C-alpha atoms as a PDB file:
ATOM      1  CA  UNK A   1     111.272 166.042  96.267  1.00  0.00           C
ATOM      2  CA  UNK A   2     108.611 168.089  97.862  1.00  0.00           C
ATOM      3  CA  UNK A   3     107.624 171.735  96.425  1.00  0.00           C
ATOM      4  CA  UNK A   4     109.608 173.050  99.373  1.00  0.00           C
ATOM      5  CA  UNK A   5     112.768 171.133  98.801  1.00  0.00           C
ATOM      6  CA  UNK A   6     112.637 171.782  94.942  1.00  0.00           C
ATOM      7  CA  UNK A   7     112.276 175.548  95.855  1.00  0.00           C
ATOM      8  CA  UNK A   8     115.185 175.262  98.476  1.00  0.00           C
ATOM      9  CA  UNK A   9     117.352 173.597  95.834  1.00  0.00           C
ATOM     10  CA  UNK A  10     116.494 176.056  93.004  1.00  0.00           C
ATOM     11  CA  UNK A  11     117.568 178.767  95.475  1.00  0.00           C
ATOM     12  CA  UNK A  12     120.514 177.278  96.191  1.00  0.00           C
ATOM     13  CA  UNK A  13     121.701 176.701  92.945  1.00  0.00           C
ATOM     14  CA  UNK A  14     120.806 180.554  92.001  1.00  0.00           C
ATOM     15  CA  UNK A  15     122.873 181.827  94.844  1.00  0.00           C
ATOM     16  CA  UNK A  16     125.729 179.861  93.952  1.00  0.00           C
ATOM     17  CA  UNK A  17     125.464 180.626  90.230  1.00  0.00           C
ATOM     18  CA  UNK A  18     125.176 184.686  91.261  1.00  0.00           C
ATOM     19  CA  UNK A  19     128.885 183.813  93.135  1.00  0.00           C
ATOM     20  CA  UNK A  20     130.482 182.860  90.189  1.00  0.00           C
ATOM     21  CA  UNK A  21     131.083 185.885  88.574  1.00  0.00           C
ATOM     22  CA  UNK A  22     132.509 187.128  91.923  1.00  0.00           C
ATOM     23  CA  UNK A  23     135.105 184.379  92.192  1.00  0.00           C
ATOM     24  CA  UNK A  24     136.122 185.064  88.679  1.00  0.00           C
ATOM     25  CA  UNK A  25     136.464 188.672  89.314  1.00  0.00           C
ATOM     26  CA  UNK A  26     138.296 187.802  92.654  1.00  0.00           C
ATOM     27  CA  UNK A  27     140.460 185.499  91.136  1.00  0.00           C
ATOM     28  CA  UNK A  28     141.510 187.689  88.124  1.00  0.00           C
ATOM     29  CA  UNK A  29     142.295 190.781  90.433  1.00  0.00           C
ATOM     30  CA  UNK A  30     144.412 187.915  92.685  1.00  0.00           C
ATOM     31  CA  UNK A  31     146.229 187.191  89.390  1.00  0.00           C
ATOM     32  CA  UNK A  32     147.108 190.851  88.405  1.00  0.00           C
ATOM     33  CA  UNK A  33     148.135 191.655  91.924  1.00  0.00           C
ATOM     34  CA  UNK A  34     150.505 188.541  91.923  1.00  0.00           C
ATOM     35  CA  UNK A  35     152.145 186.134  89.397  1.00  0.00           C
ATOM     36  CA  UNK A  36     148.836 185.988  86.927  1.00  0.00           C
ATOM     37  CA  UNK A  37     145.849 183.749  86.203  1.00  0.00           C
ATOM     38  CA  UNK A  38     147.475 180.457  86.848  1.00  0.00           C
ATOM     39  CA  UNK A  39     148.824 181.374  90.496  1.00  0.00           C
ATOM     40  CA  UNK A  40     145.445 182.893  91.042  1.00  0.00           C
ATOM     41  CA  UNK A  41     143.698 179.393  89.943  1.00  0.00           C
ATOM     42  CA  UNK A  42     145.891 177.534  92.216  1.00  0.00           C
ATOM     43  CA  UNK A  43     145.312 179.846  95.068  1.00  0.00           C
ATOM     44  CA  UNK A  44     141.696 179.194  94.495  1.00  0.00           C
ATOM     45  CA  UNK A  45     141.792 175.512  94.482  1.00  0.00           C
ATOM     46  CA  UNK A  46     144.174 175.497  97.247  1.00  0.00           C
ATOM     47  CA  UNK A  47     141.957 177.127  99.669  1.00  0.00           C
ATOM     48  CA  UNK A  48     138.645 175.642  98.284  1.00  0.00           C
ATOM     49  CA  UNK A  49     140.462 172.117  99.048  1.00  0.00           C
ATOM     50  CA  UNK A  50     141.461 173.384 102.676  1.00  0.00           C
ATOM     51  CA  UNK A  51     137.747 174.364 103.182  1.00  0.00           C
ATOM     52  CA  UNK A  52     136.533 170.992 101.759  1.00  0.00           C
ATOM     53  CA  UNK A  53     138.937 169.355 103.823  1.00  0.00           C
ATOM     54  CA  UNK A  54     138.046 171.076 106.895  1.00  0.00           C
ATOM     55  CA  UNK A  55     134.402 170.246 106.071  1.00  0.00           C
ATOM     56  CA  UNK A  56     134.951 166.585 105.639  1.00  0.00           C
ATOM     57  CA  UNK A  57     136.372 166.689 109.152  1.00  0.00           C
ATOM     58  CA  UNK A  58     133.966 168.540 110.790  1.00  0.00           C
ATOM     59  CA  UNK A  59     131.112 166.146 109.416  1.00  0.00           C
ATOM     60  CA  UNK A  60     133.189 163.020 110.048  1.00  0.00           C
ATOM     61  CA  UNK A  61     132.966 162.011 106.089  1.00  0.00           C
ATOM     62  CA  UNK A  62     134.620 158.714 105.894  1.00  0.00           C
ATOM     63  CA  UNK A  63     137.447 158.268 103.673  1.00  0.00           C
ATOM     64  CA  UNK A  64     136.696 155.453 100.990  1.00  0.00           C
ATOM     65  CA  UNK A  65     138.753 152.229 101.026  1.00  0.00           C
ATOM     66  CA  UNK A  66     141.944 151.883  98.841  1.00  0.00           C
ATOM     67  CA  UNK A  67     140.116 149.139  97.325  1.00  0.00           C
ATOM     68  CA  UNK A  68     137.039 151.259  96.194  1.00  0.00           C
ATOM     69  CA  UNK A  69     139.501 154.240  94.997  1.00  0.00           C
ATOM     70  CA  UNK A  70     141.351 151.836  93.003  1.00  0.00           C
ATOM     71  CA  UNK A  71     138.490 150.401  91.445  1.00  0.00           C
ATOM     72  CA  UNK A  72     137.100 153.566  90.172  1.00  0.00           C
ATOM     73  CA  UNK A  73     137.434 154.311  86.167  1.00  0.00           C
ATOM     74  CA  UNK A  74     140.062 156.748  85.360  1.00  0.00           C
ATOM     75  CA  UNK A  75     137.390 159.273  84.051  1.00  0.00           C
ATOM     76  CA  UNK A  76     136.078 159.687  87.678  1.00  0.00           C
ATOM     77  CA  UNK A  77     138.905 161.873  88.175  1.00  0.00           C
ATOM     78  CA  UNK A  78     138.296 164.304  85.234  1.00  0.00           C
ATOM     79  CA  UNK A  79     135.874 165.979  87.342  1.00  0.00           C
ATOM     80  CA  UNK A  80     138.920 168.316  88.897  1.00  0.00           C
ATOM     81  CA  UNK A  81     140.618 168.586  85.444  1.00  0.00           C
ATOM     82  CA  UNK A  82     137.394 170.304  84.014  1.00  0.00           C
ATOM     83  CA  UNK A  83     137.170 172.508  87.348  1.00  0.00           C
ATOM     84  CA  UNK A  84     140.591 173.623  87.006  1.00  0.00           C
ATOM     85  CA  UNK A  85     140.247 174.608  83.310  1.00  0.00           C
ATOM     86  CA  UNK A  86     137.262 176.361  83.820  1.00  0.00           C
ATOM     87  CA  UNK A  87     138.713 178.255  86.763  1.00  0.00           C
ATOM     88  CA  UNK A  88     141.936 179.264  84.915  1.00  0.00           C
ATOM     89  CA  UNK A  89     139.806 180.558  81.875  1.00  0.00           C
ATOM     90  CA  UNK A  90     137.623 182.367  83.813  1.00  0.00           C
ATOM     91  CA  UNK A  91     140.438 183.875  85.667  1.00  0.00           C
ATOM     92  CA  UNK A  92     142.215 185.050  82.457  1.00  0.00           C
ATOM     93  CA  UNK A  93     139.511 186.083  80.444  1.00  0.00           C
ATOM     94  CA  UNK A  94     137.104 187.832  82.954  1.00  0.00           C
ATOM     95  CA  UNK A  95     138.842 191.230  82.603  1.00  0.00           C
ATOM     96  CA  UNK A  96     138.718 190.971  78.958  1.00  0.00           C
ATOM     97  CA  UNK A  97     135.134 189.827  78.288  1.00  0.00           C
ATOM     98  CA  UNK A  98     133.714 191.001  81.453  1.00  0.00           C
ATOM     99  CA  UNK A  99     131.784 188.882  84.114  1.00  0.00           C
ATOM    100  CA  UNK A 100     128.358 188.967  82.413  1.00  0.00           C
ATOM    101  CA  UNK A 101     129.849 187.993  79.021  1.00  0.00           C
ATOM    102  CA  UNK A 102     132.161 185.079  80.799  1.00  0.00           C
ATOM    103  CA  UNK A 103     129.250 183.847  82.517  1.00  0.00           C
ATOM    104  CA  UNK A 104     126.620 184.125  79.749  1.00  0.00           C
ATOM    105  CA  UNK A 105     129.282 182.033  77.576  1.00  0.00           C
ATOM    106  CA  UNK A 106     129.981 179.422  79.901  1.00  0.00           C
ATOM    107  CA  UNK A 107     126.377 178.813  80.611  1.00  0.00           C
ATOM    108  CA  UNK A 108     125.657 178.111  76.866  1.00  0.00           C
ATOM    109  CA  UNK A 109     128.802 176.192  76.922  1.00  0.00           C
ATOM    110  CA  UNK A 110     127.461 174.124  79.744  1.00  0.00           C
ATOM    111  CA  UNK A 111     123.983 174.003  77.896  1.00  0.00           C
ATOM    112  CA  UNK A 112     125.190 172.625  74.558  1.00  0.00           C
ATOM    113  CA  UNK A 113     127.050 170.168  76.537  1.00  0.00           C
ATOM    114  CA  UNK A 114     124.720 169.239  78.635  1.00  0.00           C
ATOM    115  CA  UNK A 115     121.981 168.862  75.344  1.00  0.00           C
ATOM    116  CA  UNK A 116     124.673 166.710  74.174  1.00  0.00           C
ATOM    117  CA  UNK A 117     125.364 164.145  77.207  1.00  0.00           C
ATOM    118  CA  UNK A 118     121.735 164.091  77.622  1.00  0.00           C
ATOM    119  CA  UNK A 119     121.071 163.185  74.462  1.00  0.00           C
ATOM    120  CA  UNK A 120     123.308 160.161  74.429  1.00  0.00           C
ATOM    121  CA  UNK A 121     122.903 159.014  77.727  1.00  0.00           C
ATOM    122  CA  UNK A 122     126.532 159.545  78.940  1.00  0.00           C
ATOM    123  CA  UNK A 123     126.428 158.227  82.575  1.00  0.00           C
ATOM    124  CA  UNK A 124     122.633 158.575  82.629  1.00  0.00           C
ATOM    125  CA  UNK A 125     119.272 157.295  80.633  1.00  0.00           C
ATOM    126  CA  UNK A 126     119.265 159.238  77.408  1.00  0.00           C
ATOM    127  CA  UNK A 127     117.119 162.217  77.107  1.00  0.00           C
ATOM    128  CA  UNK A 128     116.501 163.665  73.524  1.00  0.00           C
ATOM    129  CA  UNK A 129     117.583 167.153  72.461  1.00  0.00           C
ATOM    130  CA  UNK A 130     114.061 167.811  71.176  1.00  0.00           C
ATOM    131  CA  UNK A 131     113.007 171.139  69.404  1.00  0.00           C
ATOM    132  CA  UNK A 132     111.911 172.760  72.717  1.00  0.00           C
ATOM    133  CA  UNK A 133     115.231 171.798  74.476  1.00  0.00           C
ATOM    134  CA  UNK A 134     117.255 173.198  71.202  1.00  0.00           C
ATOM    135  CA  UNK A 135     115.039 176.455  71.332  1.00  0.00           C
ATOM    136  CA  UNK A 136     115.853 176.918  74.826  1.00  0.00           C
ATOM    137  CA  UNK A 137     119.856 176.607  73.772  1.00  0.00           C
ATOM    138  CA  UNK A 138     119.291 178.929  71.223  1.00  0.00           C
ATOM    139  CA  UNK A 139     117.614 181.705  73.224  1.00  0.00           C
ATOM    140  CA  UNK A 140     120.439 181.471  75.595  1.00  0.00           C
ATOM    141  CA  UNK A 141     122.772 181.825  72.549  1.00  0.00           C
ATOM    142  CA  UNK A 142     120.911 184.986  71.471  1.00  0.00           C
ATOM    143  CA  UNK A 143     121.229 186.456  75.330  1.00  0.00           C
ATOM    144  CA  UNK A 144     124.971 185.872  75.414  1.00  0.00           C
ATOM    145  CA  UNK A 145     125.438 187.645  71.999  1.00  0.00           C
ATOM    146  CA  UNK A 146     123.170 190.572  73.668  1.00  0.00           C
ATOM    147  CA  UNK A 147     125.387 190.834  76.498  1.00  0.00           C
ATOM    148  CA  UNK A 148     128.484 190.483  74.418  1.00  0.00           C
ATOM    149  CA  UNK A 149     127.724 193.488  72.218  1.00  0.00           C
ATOM    150  CA  UNK A 150     129.962 196.612  72.833  1.00  0.00           C
ATOM    151  CA  UNK A 151     128.942 198.904  75.538  1.00  0.00           C
ATOM    152  CA  UNK A 152     127.306 202.051  74.564  1.00  0.00           C
ATOM    153  CA  UNK A 153     128.856 205.152  74.721  1.00  0.00           C
END
């Protein structure tokens, strides 16, 4: 990856990351204005599914064969489960925690989970959870605690 490609990738992740609190807030408002967080999460996934389906059609992305799908391990399907749990949790808790606290806590959880997955080499080569990486996680935890503190009057 060239330096320009890396910069573009970093920018893309930052932009998408900046949109996550907006997604949580929009879904929470939809839930408040309708039947609650479960309905709002369902709508979020439905709209996303329609959009991705349209993108697949527009890009002529081929579907895998039945044999390829049948040969996949069961864990291959868990990404959608995790995504649904995250969206439902964010939709239900962002009104109580606030967008900043929700995202800080989610990032901290992602970092701890990532350190463990990397350390034990889950689905890729192991990468040790050494002292600098653990220190980074501690700094994120401190940041999350600072964001979580009650607002000043």
